[in-house]
Amino acid sequence: MTLDKLPIGKPAVILTVGGEGNLRCHLLDMGLIPHTEVTVRKVAPLGDPIEIFLRGYTMTLRKDDASKIEVRPREEI
């Protein structure tokens, strides 16, 4: 499952971070690294962007960027 499809409030763990070049480096620099727990908190009314919580802070991501991050719901690990 990818981060953009994760239901609101359901915790998950990041498995892989996709993307190429600067985008991938930027996502990793923001703390979106494998084995990090993440939760989707809110979704904008039109579905983009989404607000996520990880490492004690909140950030927003475009849905297109979130679709490059593969996650597994916590209870499946």
Protein backbone atom coordinates (compact mmCIF):
# COMPACT_ATOMS: atom_id res chain seq x y z
CA MET A 1 0.00 0.00 0.00
CA THR A 2 1.19 3.54 -0.61
CA LEU A 3 0.95 6.46 1.80
CA ASP A 4 -1.69 8.26 -0.28
CA LYS A 5 -4.07 5.28 0.19
CA LEU A 6 -3.56 4.92 3.96
CA PRO A 7 -6.82 5.60 5.86
CA ILE A 8 -6.96 8.58 8.22
CA GLY A 9 -5.82 7.71 11.75
CA LYS A 10 -4.33 4.31 10.90
CA PRO A 11 -0.64 4.03 11.86
CA ALA A 12 1.77 2.49 9.39
CA VAL A 13 5.48 1.94 8.95
CA ILE A 14 7.38 3.17 5.90
CA LEU A 15 8.85 0.32 3.86
CA THR A 16 10.43 2.11 0.90
CA VAL A 17 10.73 5.64 -0.45
CA GLY A 18 10.52 5.90 -4.21
CA GLY A 19 10.94 8.81 -6.55
CA GLU A 20 14.04 9.86 -8.40
CA GLY A 21 16.86 12.28 -7.83
CA ASN A 22 16.10 15.42 -5.86
CA LEU A 23 12.56 14.37 -4.93
CA ARG A 24 13.74 11.18 -3.23
CA CYS A 25 16.53 13.02 -1.41
CA HIS A 26 14.06 15.69 -0.28
CA LEU A 27 11.62 13.10 1.10
CA LEU A 28 14.42 11.32 2.96
CA ASP A 29 15.75 14.64 4.34
CA MET A 30 12.28 15.43 5.73
CA GLY A 31 12.42 12.24 7.81
CA LEU A 32 10.44 9.92 5.56
CA ILE A 33 12.84 7.01 5.88
CA PRO A 34 12.20 3.25 6.09
CA HIS A 35 11.08 1.86 9.49
CA THR A 36 9.55 5.22 10.53
CA GLU A 37 5.99 5.18 11.86
CA VAL A 38 3.59 7.55 10.09
CA THR A 39 -0.11 8.40 10.44
CA VAL A 40 -2.36 10.30 8.05
CA ARG A 41 -4.13 12.99 10.09
CA LYS A 42 -6.15 14.96 7.53
CA VAL A 43 -6.94 15.10 3.84
CA ALA A 44 -7.79 18.38 2.12
CA PRO A 45 -11.42 18.72 0.93
CA LEU A 46 -10.45 18.04 -2.68
CA GLY A 47 -8.12 15.21 -1.67
CA ASP A 48 -4.78 16.97 -2.11
CA PRO A 49 -2.58 17.61 -0.09
CA ILE A 50 -2.60 15.24 2.87
CA GLU A 51 -1.38 15.98 6.40
CA ILE A 52 0.77 13.33 8.06
CA PHE A 53 2.31 12.92 11.51
CA LEU A 54 5.73 11.39 12.03
CA ARG A 55 8.68 11.75 14.41
CA GLY A 56 6.71 14.14 16.65
CA TYR A 57 5.78 16.69 13.98
CA THR A 58 3.15 17.29 11.33
CA MET A 59 3.84 17.85 7.64
CA THR A 60 1.83 18.07 4.45
CA LEU A 61 2.58 16.22 1.25
CA ARG A 62 1.13 16.32 -2.21
CA LYS A 63 -0.73 13.14 -3.02
CA ASP A 64 1.57 12.52 -5.98
CA ASP A 65 4.61 12.52 -3.66
CA ALA A 66 2.84 10.36 -1.08
CA SER A 67 2.11 7.77 -3.77
CA LYS A 68 5.86 7.14 -4.04
CA ILE A 69 6.12 6.03 -0.40
CA GLU A 70 5.26 2.41 0.31
CA VAL A 71 3.89 1.65 3.78
CA ARG A 72 2.54 -1.30 5.72
CA PRO A 73 -0.20 -0.85 8.34
CA ARG A 74 1.32 -1.42 11.79
CA GLU A 75 -0.75 -4.47 12.77
CA GLU A 76 0.45 -6.33 9.63
CA ILE A 77 4.12 -6.15 10.57
